[in-house]
Protein backbone atom coordinates (compact mmCIF):
# COMPACT_ATOMS: atom_id res chain seq x y z
CA MET A 1 0.00 0.00 0.00
CA GLN A 2 2.95 2.36 0.56
CA GLU A 3 3.85 2.43 -3.15
CA ASN A 4 0.17 2.72 -4.00
CA TYR A 5 -0.20 5.89 -1.96
CA VAL A 6 2.95 7.45 -3.35
CA ASP A 7 1.59 6.77 -6.83
CA ARG A 8 -1.83 8.15 -5.89
CA ILE A 9 -0.27 11.31 -4.46
CA LEU A 10 1.93 11.90 -7.49
CA LYS A 11 -1.10 11.55 -9.77
CA ALA A 12 -3.52 13.49 -7.55
CA LYS A 13 -5.56 16.16 -9.30
CA VAL A 14 -5.61 19.11 -6.94
CA TYR A 15 -4.15 22.10 -8.76
CA ASP A 16 -7.27 23.00 -10.73
CA VAL A 17 -8.45 24.57 -7.46
CA ALA A 18 -5.61 24.34 -4.91
CA VAL A 19 -2.34 26.27 -4.97
CA GLU A 20 1.14 25.21 -3.98
CA THR A 21 1.46 27.00 -0.67
CA SER A 22 4.68 28.50 0.61
CA LEU A 23 6.98 26.97 3.21
CA GLU A 24 7.92 30.01 5.27
CA ALA A 25 10.46 30.59 8.01
CA ALA A 26 9.11 31.71 11.39
CA PRO A 27 12.01 33.86 12.63
CA ARG A 28 10.52 35.04 15.94
CA LEU A 29 9.40 31.59 17.04
CA SER A 30 12.67 30.08 15.80
CA ARG A 31 14.70 32.46 17.96
CA ARG A 32 12.58 31.76 21.02
CA LEU A 33 12.76 27.98 20.63
CA ASP A 34 16.38 27.91 19.38
CA ASN A 35 15.33 25.68 16.49
CA ARG A 36 14.51 26.37 12.86
CA ILE A 37 10.72 26.48 12.59
CA LEU A 38 9.00 26.49 9.20
CA PHE A 39 5.29 27.03 8.50
CA LYS A 40 3.56 25.24 5.62
CA ARG A 41 0.94 27.90 4.87
CA GLU A 42 -2.19 25.92 4.03
CA ASP A 43 -4.19 28.83 5.43
CA LEU A 44 -3.43 30.55 2.10
CA GLN A 45 -5.57 28.14 0.05
CA PRO A 46 -8.60 29.63 -1.78
CA VAL A 47 -10.90 28.34 0.99
CA PHE A 48 -8.29 29.10 3.71
CA SER A 49 -7.75 25.41 4.50
CA PHE A 50 -5.92 22.32 3.21
CA LYS A 51 -9.27 20.51 2.93
CA ILE A 52 -9.74 21.65 -0.67
CA ARG A 53 -6.98 19.24 -1.76
CA GLY A 54 -8.63 16.00 -0.67
CA ALA A 55 -12.16 17.07 -1.49
CA TYR A 56 -11.30 18.09 -5.04
CA ASN A 57 -9.09 15.07 -5.71
CA LYS A 58 -12.01 12.81 -4.81
CA ILE A 59 -14.38 14.76 -7.06
CA ALA A 60 -11.86 14.92 -9.92
CA GLN A 61 -11.35 11.14 -9.83
CA LEU A 62 -15.07 10.39 -10.31
CA SER A 63 -16.15 8.99 -13.66
CA ALA A 64 -18.33 11.20 -15.83
CA ILE A 65 -21.38 9.07 -15.05
CA SER A 66 -20.81 9.18 -11.29
CA ALA A 67 -20.05 12.90 -11.33
CA GLN A 68 -23.28 13.73 -13.14
CA ARG A 69 -25.24 12.32 -10.20
CA GLY A 70 -23.72 14.96 -7.92
CA VAL A 71 -21.90 14.75 -4.59
CA ILE A 72 -22.86 15.08 -0.94
CA CYS A 73 -20.90 15.54 2.27
CA ALA A 74 -21.39 16.26 5.95
CA SER A 75 -19.29 19.04 7.43
CA ALA A 76 -19.50 22.10 9.64
CA GLY A 77 -16.70 24.00 7.96
CA ASN A 78 -13.59 23.52 5.86
CA HIS A 79 -14.46 20.22 4.16
CA ALA A 80 -17.85 21.66 3.21
CA GLN A 81 -16.22 24.61 1.45
CA GLY A 82 -13.76 22.29 -0.30
CA VAL A 83 -16.54 20.06 -1.65
CA ALA A 84 -18.65 23.03 -2.73
CA LEU A 85 -15.75 24.67 -4.60
CA GLY A 86 -14.62 21.35 -6.10
CA ALA A 87 -18.11 20.57 -7.36
CA ARG A 88 -18.54 24.05 -8.80
CA THR A 89 -15.20 23.73 -10.59
CA ARG A 90 -16.28 20.44 -12.18
CA GLY A 91 -19.75 21.76 -12.89
CA ILE A 92 -21.72 19.24 -10.87
CA PRO A 93 -24.28 19.66 -8.05
CA ALA A 94 -23.20 19.46 -4.41
CA VAL A 95 -25.32 18.98 -1.30
CA ILE A 96 -23.73 19.99 2.00
CA VAL A 97 -25.31 18.73 5.23
CA MET A 98 -24.32 20.94 8.16
CA PRO A 99 -25.30 20.74 11.85
CA LEU A 100 -27.85 23.28 13.05
CA THR A 101 -25.12 24.64 15.34
CA THR A 102 -22.90 25.72 12.42
CA PRO A 103 -22.02 29.45 12.65
CA ASP A 104 -23.63 31.66 10.02
CA ILE A 105 -20.24 32.68 8.59
CA LYS A 106 -19.53 29.07 7.58
CA VAL A 107 -23.01 28.48 6.21
CA GLN A 108 -22.73 31.64 4.11
CA ALA A 109 -19.28 30.65 2.84
CA VAL A 110 -20.68 27.37 1.47
CA ALA A 111 -23.68 29.14 -0.03
CA ASP A 112 -21.37 31.60 -1.79
CA LEU A 113 -19.64 28.64 -3.44
CA GLY A 114 -22.91 27.32 -4.84
CA GLY A 115 -23.55 24.38 -2.52
CA GLU A 116 -27.08 23.30 -1.64
CA ILE A 117 -27.20 23.51 2.15
CA VAL A 118 -29.19 21.17 4.38
CA LEU A 119 -29.13 21.99 8.10
CA HIS A 120 -29.73 18.92 10.26
CA GLY A 121 -28.86 17.72 13.77
CA ASP A 122 -26.99 19.22 16.70
CA ASP A 123 -23.57 17.75 15.88
CA TYR A 124 -21.46 16.23 13.12
CA ASP A 125 -22.55 12.65 13.82
CA GLN A 126 -26.22 13.49 13.23
CA ALA A 127 -25.38 15.47 10.10
CA TYR A 128 -23.22 12.58 8.85
CA GLU A 129 -25.99 9.99 9.25
CA HIS A 130 -28.48 12.27 7.50
CA ALA A 131 -26.04 12.87 4.63
CA LEU A 132 -25.64 9.12 4.09
CA GLU A 133 -29.41 8.66 4.08
CA LEU A 134 -29.98 11.60 1.75
CA GLY A 135 -27.21 10.39 -0.54
CA ARG A 136 -28.85 6.97 -0.88
CA GLU A 137 -32.24 8.54 -1.58
CA ARG A 138 -30.95 10.90 -4.27
CA GLY A 139 -28.16 8.73 -5.71
CA LEU A 140 -25.40 11.17 -4.75
CA VAL A 141 -21.72 10.24 -4.30
CA PHE A 142 -20.62 10.70 -0.68
CA VAL A 143 -17.33 12.58 -0.24
CA HIS A 144 -15.88 11.50 3.10
CA PRO A 145 -13.89 14.17 4.97
CA PHE A 146 -10.96 11.85 5.72
CA ASP A 147 -11.49 8.08 5.38
CA ASP A 148 -11.10 7.73 1.61
CA PRO A 149 -7.94 6.89 -0.40
CA ASP A 150 -8.50 9.73 -2.87
CA VAL A 151 -9.02 12.24 -0.06
CA ILE A 152 -5.91 10.95 1.74
CA ALA A 153 -3.89 11.21 -1.48
CA GLY A 154 -5.10 14.77 -2.05
CA GLN A 155 -3.93 15.82 1.40
CA GLY A 156 -0.65 13.96 0.78
CA THR A 157 0.26 16.43 -1.96
CA ILE A 158 1.30 18.75 0.90
CA ALA A 159 4.17 16.36 1.67
CA MET A 160 5.14 16.25 -1.98
CA GLU A 161 5.41 20.06 -1.99
CA ILE A 162 7.37 20.18 1.28
CA LEU A 163 10.02 17.79 -0.01
CA ARG A 164 10.26 19.79 -3.20
CA GLN A 165 10.62 23.05 -1.24
CA HIS A 166 13.10 21.80 1.37
CA HIS A 167 15.51 18.88 1.07
CA GLY A 168 14.41 15.91 3.17
CA ASP A 169 17.92 15.36 4.56
CA GLU A 170 17.59 18.69 6.37
CA ILE A 171 14.15 18.06 7.95
CA ASP A 172 13.98 16.53 11.41
CA ALA A 173 10.23 16.38 11.99
CA ILE A 174 6.89 17.40 10.51
CA PHE A 175 4.05 18.25 12.90
CA VAL A 176 0.52 17.64 11.65
CA PRO A 177 -2.93 18.50 13.08
CA VAL A 178 -5.05 15.37 13.56
CA GLY A 179 -8.82 15.04 13.48
CA GLY A 180 -10.05 12.06 11.51
CA GLY A 181 -6.51 11.38 10.27
CA GLY A 182 -6.67 12.07 6.53
CA LEU A 183 -4.00 14.76 6.55
CA ILE A 184 -1.44 12.91 8.65
CA ALA A 185 -2.08 9.63 6.78
CA GLY A 186 -1.31 11.20 3.41
CA ILE A 187 1.74 13.13 4.63
CA ALA A 188 3.18 10.16 6.53
CA ALA A 189 2.72 7.65 3.70
CA TYR A 190 4.59 9.90 1.26
CA VAL A 191 7.38 11.19 3.52
CA LYS A 192 8.20 7.83 5.12
CA SER A 193 8.53 6.21 1.70
CA LEU A 194 11.33 8.61 0.80
CA TYR A 195 12.84 9.67 4.13
CA PRO A 196 12.04 7.16 6.89
CA ARG A 197 14.22 9.10 9.36
CA ILE A 198 11.93 12.18 9.30
CA LYS A 199 9.62 12.02 12.29
CA ILE A 200 5.91 12.44 11.58
CA ILE A 201 4.27 13.75 14.74
CA GLY A 202 0.54 14.28 15.08
CA VAL A 203 -0.98 16.88 17.37
CA GLU A 204 -4.44 16.66 18.95
CA PRO A 205 -6.31 18.63 21.63
CA GLU A 206 -6.39 16.89 25.00
CA ASP A 207 -10.18 16.86 24.83
CA ALA A 208 -10.37 15.41 21.30
CA ALA A 209 -7.63 12.76 21.37
CA GLY A 210 -9.21 10.16 19.08
CA MET A 211 -6.04 9.08 17.28
CA TYR A 212 -3.92 9.14 20.44
CA GLU A 213 -6.37 6.88 22.28
CA SER A 214 -6.79 4.58 19.27
CA LEU A 215 -3.05 4.09 18.80
CA ARG A 216 -2.64 3.47 22.51
CA ALA A 217 -5.43 0.87 22.48
CA GLY A 218 -4.22 -0.77 19.25
CA LYS A 219 -7.67 -0.36 17.71
CA ARG A 220 -10.04 2.43 16.79
CA VAL A 221 -11.94 3.75 19.78
CA THR A 222 -14.98 6.03 19.88
CA LEU A 223 -14.71 8.95 22.28
CA ASP A 224 -17.74 9.62 24.46
CA ARG A 225 -17.46 13.31 23.68
CA VAL A 226 -15.00 15.78 22.23
CA GLY A 227 -14.16 19.38 23.07
CA MET A 228 -15.36 21.89 20.51
CA PHE A 229 -12.79 24.66 20.76
CA ALA A 230 -10.70 23.18 17.93
CA ASP A 231 -13.84 22.32 15.97
CA GLY A 232 -11.90 21.42 12.82
CA VAL A 233 -10.51 18.31 14.54
CA ALA A 234 -13.48 17.51 16.82
CA VAL A 235 -13.86 13.90 15.67
CA ARG A 236 -15.10 11.16 17.97
CA ARG A 237 -13.81 8.25 15.85
CA VAL A 238 -10.86 8.29 13.43
CA GLY A 239 -11.06 6.63 10.03
CA GLU A 240 -10.36 2.96 9.40
CA GLU A 241 -7.83 3.54 6.61
CA THR A 242 -6.31 6.60 8.28
CA PHE A 243 -5.80 4.60 11.48
CA ARG A 244 -4.09 1.79 9.55
CA LEU A 245 -1.68 4.24 7.94
CA ALA A 246 -1.06 6.06 11.22
CA ARG A 247 -0.15 2.81 12.96
CA GLN A 248 2.30 2.06 10.18
CA TYR A 249 3.95 5.46 9.72
CA VAL A 250 3.26 7.97 12.51
CA ASP A 251 5.94 8.27 15.20
CA GLU A 252 3.82 9.73 17.98
CA ILE A 253 0.84 11.91 18.88
CA ILE A 254 1.29 14.94 21.14
CA LEU A 255 -1.66 16.32 23.13
CA VAL A 256 -2.04 20.04 23.83
CA THR A 257 -4.39 22.14 25.94
CA THR A 258 -6.78 24.87 24.86
CA ASP A 259 -4.47 27.47 26.40
CA GLN A 260 -1.51 26.10 24.46
CA ILE A 261 -3.52 26.29 21.24
CA CYS A 262 -4.41 29.93 21.96
CA ALA A 263 -0.75 30.72 22.58
CA ALA A 264 0.14 29.06 19.26
CA ILE A 265 -2.42 31.23 17.44
CA GLN A 266 -0.64 34.24 18.89
CA ASP A 267 2.78 32.84 17.88
CA ILE A 268 1.61 32.40 14.28
CA PHE A 269 0.21 35.93 14.25
CA GLN A 270 3.48 37.41 15.51
CA ASP A 271 5.44 35.78 12.65
CA THR A 272 2.91 36.04 9.80
CA ARG A 273 0.31 38.66 10.84
CA SER A 274 -2.32 36.07 9.97
CA ILE A 275 -4.85 34.53 12.36
CA ALA A 276 -5.02 30.73 12.37
CA GLU A 277 -8.11 28.86 13.46
CA ALA A 278 -7.72 26.67 16.52
CA ALA A 279 -7.25 23.41 14.59
CA GLY A 280 -4.86 25.18 12.21
CA ALA A 281 -2.55 26.15 15.09
CA LEU A 282 -2.27 22.66 16.59
CA ALA A 283 1.03 21.85 14.90
CA VAL A 284 2.75 24.94 16.31
CA ALA A 285 1.46 24.11 19.80
CA GLY A 286 2.85 20.61 19.34
CA ILE A 287 6.28 21.88 18.27
CA LYS A 288 6.53 24.05 21.38
CA LYS A 289 5.62 21.16 23.66
CA TYR A 290 8.02 18.80 21.85
CA VAL A 291 10.96 21.23 22.07
CA ALA A 292 10.34 21.76 25.80
CA ARG A 293 10.14 18.02 26.40
CA GLU A 294 13.18 17.06 24.33
CA ASN A 295 15.24 20.13 25.24
CA CYS A 296 16.49 20.10 21.65
CA THR A 297 18.20 22.82 19.62
CA ALA A 298 19.27 23.46 16.01
CA ARG A 299 16.66 21.15 14.49
CA THR A 300 14.44 21.87 11.50
CA LEU A 301 10.81 21.41 12.48
CA ILE A 302 7.88 21.98 10.11
CA ALA A 303 4.35 22.88 11.21
CA ILE A 304 1.36 22.38 8.93
CA ASN A 305 -0.69 25.55 9.45
CA GLY A 306 -3.93 23.88 8.50
CA GLY A 307 -6.45 26.68 8.18
CA ALA A 308 -7.63 30.19 9.01
CA ASN A 309 -11.43 29.93 9.17
CA MET A 310 -11.68 31.60 12.56
CA ASN A 311 -14.90 33.13 13.86
CA PHE A 312 -14.11 36.78 14.59
CA ASP A 313 -16.08 36.78 17.86
CA ARG A 314 -13.86 33.99 19.19
CA LEU A 315 -10.78 36.23 19.16
CA ARG A 316 -11.59 37.71 22.57
CA TYR A 317 -11.43 34.27 24.13
CA VAL A 318 -8.19 33.44 22.31
CA ALA A 319 -6.56 36.66 23.51
CA GLU A 320 -7.64 35.99 27.10
CA ARG A 321 -6.19 32.50 27.12
CA ALA A 322 -3.04 33.01 25.03
CA ASP A 323 -0.96 34.46 27.86
CA LEU A 324 -1.89 31.53 30.10
CA GLY A 325 -0.95 29.04 27.39
CA ALA A 326 2.40 30.73 26.83
CA GLN A 327 3.00 30.91 30.62
CA ARG A 328 2.95 34.70 30.44
CA GLU A 329 0.26 35.03 33.11
CA ALA A 330 -0.38 33.44 36.50
CA LEU A 331 -3.69 33.37 38.36
CA PHE A 332 -3.65 33.16 42.18
CA ALA A 333 -6.26 33.00 44.92
CA VAL A 334 -4.93 34.85 47.96
CA GLU A 335 -6.43 35.10 51.43
CA MET A 336 -5.46 38.09 53.51
CA PRO A 337 -6.48 39.29 56.98
CA GLU A 338 -9.35 41.79 56.93
CA VAL A 339 -7.36 44.40 58.86
CA PRO A 340 -6.21 47.89 57.86
CA GLY A 341 -2.96 47.82 55.93
CA SER A 342 -3.01 44.18 54.76
CA PHE A 343 -4.12 45.15 51.26
CA LEU A 344 -1.27 47.67 51.03
CA ARG A 345 1.21 45.12 52.39
CA PHE A 346 0.20 42.64 49.71
CA CYS A 347 0.61 45.22 46.95
CA GLU A 348 4.02 46.22 48.32
CA LEU A 349 4.99 42.55 48.23
CA LEU A 350 4.21 42.46 44.51
CA GLY A 351 6.37 45.55 43.98
CA ARG A 352 6.72 46.36 40.27
CA GLN A 353 5.18 43.04 39.20
CA SER A 354 2.67 43.79 36.44
CA VAL A 355 -0.88 43.03 37.60
CA THR A 356 -3.24 41.88 34.83
CA GLU A 357 -6.32 41.41 36.99
CA PHE A 358 -7.36 42.14 40.55
CA ASN A 359 -10.71 41.09 42.01
CA TYR A 360 -11.61 41.74 45.63
CA ARG A 361 -14.79 41.91 47.69
CA TYR A 362 -15.34 42.15 51.41
CA GLY A 363 -16.21 38.72 52.81
CA ASP A 364 -16.32 38.82 56.61
CA LEU A 365 -14.56 40.36 59.60
CA LYS A 366 -11.71 37.85 59.55
CA ALA A 367 -10.40 37.42 56.01
CA ALA A 368 -10.75 38.62 52.45
CA GLN A 369 -10.35 36.57 49.28
CA ILE A 370 -8.52 38.06 46.31
CA PHE A 371 -8.33 36.74 42.75
CA VAL A 372 -5.23 38.20 41.12
CA GLY A 373 -3.58 37.84 37.71
CA LEU A 374 0.13 38.57 37.32
CA ALA A 375 2.15 38.98 34.12
CA LEU A 376 5.14 36.66 33.75
CA THR A 377 8.31 37.00 31.69
CA GLN A 378 10.10 33.82 32.81
CA GLY A 379 7.31 31.24 32.75
CA LYS A 380 6.70 28.61 35.39
CA ALA A 381 9.91 29.31 37.35
CA GLU A 382 8.76 32.88 37.95
CA ARG A 383 5.25 31.67 38.84
CA ASP A 384 6.64 29.24 41.43
CA GLY A 385 8.85 31.98 42.86
CA LEU A 386 5.88 34.32 43.27
CA LEU A 387 3.88 31.62 45.02
CA HIS A 388 6.73 31.03 47.45
CA SER A 389 7.18 34.76 48.15
CA ILE A 390 3.48 35.34 48.82
CA ALA A 391 3.26 32.32 51.12
CA ALA A 392 6.47 33.33 52.94
CA ALA A 393 4.92 36.73 53.64
CA GLY A 394 2.14 35.00 55.60
CA PHE A 395 -0.62 35.03 53.00
CA ALA A 396 -2.51 31.84 52.20
CA VAL A 397 -2.21 31.38 48.42
CA ARG A 398 -3.37 28.83 45.85
CA ASP A 399 -2.36 28.58 42.20
CA MET A 400 -5.40 28.81 39.89
CA THR A 401 -3.47 29.05 36.61
CA ASP A 402 -4.41 25.54 35.52
CA ASN A 403 -7.91 25.51 37.02
CA GLU A 404 -10.31 25.43 34.06
CA MET A 405 -13.37 26.56 35.99
CA ALA A 406 -11.47 29.47 37.51
CA LYS A 407 -10.26 30.61 34.08
CA LEU A 408 -13.56 30.13 32.29
CA HIS A 409 -16.01 31.44 34.88
CA VAL A 410 -14.82 32.40 38.37
CA ARG A 411 -12.48 35.20 37.30
CA TYR A 412 -15.55 37.03 35.98
CA MET A 413 -17.73 36.30 39.00
CA VAL A 414 -15.67 37.06 42.10
CA GLY A 415 -18.04 38.80 44.49
CA GLY A 416 -18.19 37.00 47.79
CA GLN A 417 -19.67 33.81 49.15
CA ALA A 418 -23.37 33.22 49.75
CA ARG A 419 -23.80 32.82 53.49
CA GLY A 420 -26.58 30.58 54.79
CA LEU A 421 -27.09 28.82 51.47
CA ASN A 422 -27.75 25.11 51.86
CA ASP A 423 -27.43 22.07 49.58
CA GLU A 424 -25.75 23.90 46.69
CA ARG A 425 -24.07 21.71 44.04
CA LEU A 426 -21.99 23.27 41.27
CA TYR A 427 -21.91 22.06 37.64
CA ARG A 428 -20.32 23.12 34.37
CA PHE A 429 -22.52 22.46 31.31
CA GLU A 430 -22.02 22.58 27.54
CA PHE A 431 -24.90 22.89 25.10
CA PRO A 432 -25.19 23.51 21.33
CA GLU A 433 -25.00 27.28 20.72
CA ARG A 434 -27.81 28.65 18.55
CA PRO A 435 -30.67 31.18 18.97
CA GLY A 436 -32.80 30.21 21.93
CA ALA A 437 -30.30 27.64 23.20
CA LEU A 438 -29.83 29.27 26.60
CA LEU A 439 -33.60 29.40 27.17
CA LYS A 440 -33.92 25.77 26.08
CA PHE A 441 -31.16 24.82 28.52
CA LEU A 442 -32.90 26.55 31.42
CA GLN A 443 -36.21 24.94 30.49
CA ALA A 444 -34.54 21.54 30.38
CA ILE A 445 -33.09 22.00 33.87
CA GLY A 446 -36.66 22.61 34.97
CA THR A 447 -38.16 24.14 38.11
CA GLY A 448 -37.83 21.18 40.44
CA TRP A 449 -34.57 22.53 41.88
CA ASN A 450 -33.57 26.10 42.66
CA ILE A 451 -30.75 27.70 40.64
CA SER A 452 -28.62 29.62 43.14
CA LEU A 453 -25.69 30.66 40.93
CA PHE A 454 -25.46 31.16 37.18
CA HIS A 455 -22.77 32.35 34.79
CA TYR A 456 -22.84 32.16 31.00
CA ARG A 457 -20.48 33.62 28.40
CA ASN A 458 -20.73 33.37 24.64
CA HIS A 459 -17.20 32.63 23.37
CA GLY A 460 -18.08 32.62 19.68
CA SER A 461 -17.98 28.84 19.77
CA ASP A 462 -20.38 26.20 18.49
CA TYR A 463 -21.07 25.26 22.11
CA GLY A 464 -22.25 27.45 25.00
CA ARG A 465 -20.70 27.10 28.45
CA VAL A 466 -22.61 27.60 31.68
CA LEU A 467 -21.62 27.43 35.33
CA ALA A 468 -24.64 26.77 37.50
CA GLY A 469 -25.15 26.35 41.22
CA ILE A 470 -28.26 24.30 41.99
CA GLN A 471 -29.74 23.59 45.41
CA VAL A 472 -30.16 19.82 45.60
CA PRO A 473 -31.31 18.46 49.00
CA LEU A 474 -29.71 15.15 49.87
CA GLU A 475 -32.99 13.22 49.61
CA THR A 476 -33.47 14.37 45.97
CA ARG A 477 -29.87 13.96 44.77
CA THR A 478 -30.46 10.61 43.05
CA ASP A 479 -33.48 11.97 41.18
CA PHE A 480 -31.52 15.06 40.19
CA LEU A 481 -28.61 13.05 38.72
CA LEU A 482 -31.06 10.90 36.77
CA HIS A 483 -32.63 14.09 35.42
CA LEU A 484 -29.22 15.48 34.39
CA ASN A 485 -28.32 12.32 32.51
CA GLU A 486 -31.64 12.41 30.65
CA LEU A 487 -30.89 15.93 29.37
CA HIS A 488 -27.91 14.71 27.26
CA TYR A 489 -25.92 17.87 28.00
CA ALA A 490 -22.23 17.35 28.70
CA TYR A 491 -21.57 18.31 32.31
CA THR A 492 -18.87 18.23 34.98
CA GLU A 493 -19.52 18.55 38.71
CA GLU A 494 -17.33 21.25 40.29
CA THR A 495 -18.65 21.27 43.86
CA ASP A 496 -15.25 20.32 45.25
CA ASN A 497 -13.30 22.77 43.06
CA PRO A 498 -11.18 25.01 45.34
CA ALA A 499 -11.98 28.08 43.22
CA TYR A 500 -15.65 27.60 44.09
CA LYS A 501 -15.00 26.98 47.76
CA ILE A 502 -12.83 30.10 48.10
CA PHE A 503 -14.77 32.65 46.05
CA LEU A 504 -18.34 31.50 45.50
CA GLY A 505 -19.35 28.69 47.82
CA GLY A 506 -22.18 28.85 50.33
């Protein structure tokens, strides 16, 4: 199969619609990491994503009779645009099934390319099943987003270009975003056939680690749920053929956090003045984690910058989290005596340390709780030093930098604890984000239990995030948990989270 894929890639028909993207040096990031970092700029494709390659190659390989029937796909973004443009180029009809949660900007982009849009279901899986059913009914050819040899070969043309643009003997590793696996399968099959020594390293979000878990298990696994921040790689189950090729050729999969992805988006912007989407920045996040782990220098490392279809209203969230991901900000919870002068003493302790956030509210006669953000220039070592200094000065302090609930909700809610409140349980929820979704969520929770705390922020994502405190007497707790499970909303209980106990708890 190795020779077969090399042959398929060499003969792939992608350049009727795709362009050969540049392989650019990233001087700022290279200096910081003390390695030579190169960006393969797939964000410069006509649809701002590499997906056009595989989608068009599949459509171009269809016989005239099959093509006349038209094509169909399921996608919430980049693959949809690739299929729509590919079909328009060949002059055949295309039906694009998109989840109801798809942002308007992506729906409009597909419409502008001439695709017939069908909105169905709350997630990709529901849209996928409907697309298969609709395809059978109308006799349309299904264009899979990743698990198809022609799609894999189309994505593999990226590797062909890289080795033409930079000699393989001088490349140490190529870092590739991984969702369903089509991109990394095509790149790995081609590169390993010519330069087996070049490492092929996949990068996935920690909360969407389908390929990582599958390779670890030795078989394809289906994730119960996936995080939606990097929506371009939010795949619950990798492809059968892509998994086979990954097992054969991929050296390892690196997992990165949301904060690390946000920091990578900022890194790309600083070198290119372009804004990558979350999935498109995965490879850069992976390079940074790899270099820190290996403590390596003077290597040539290539990142596939996969796409730039970023929702504009998500940029606020990215900016907030980028400094945390790059270890340029620390978040602390500090308890200080409620006596005159203690606030001044704490500020004097910080000295000229740049404060990014300071939240305080009177709590009681004994102690006050402060939520403080501090800018860092030396990463974790500086953070640890600050913690030690604050504790040595007699203040009780806890590090909240890696506390997801504190970063997502509590920092915007600090306002004192609710005294005399009984039976409160705290939960984080996710629900599909569309008009009326918040009301539907509240209606689903129902009126059987009292909501005692509520925080919701729209992050420009496909999913809304809510923090809710709900009074659940002990005798009704079993019924309440049964009710939650029947709602089918993803949730995490946070009642024991220290950020809640310090700043919000009853």
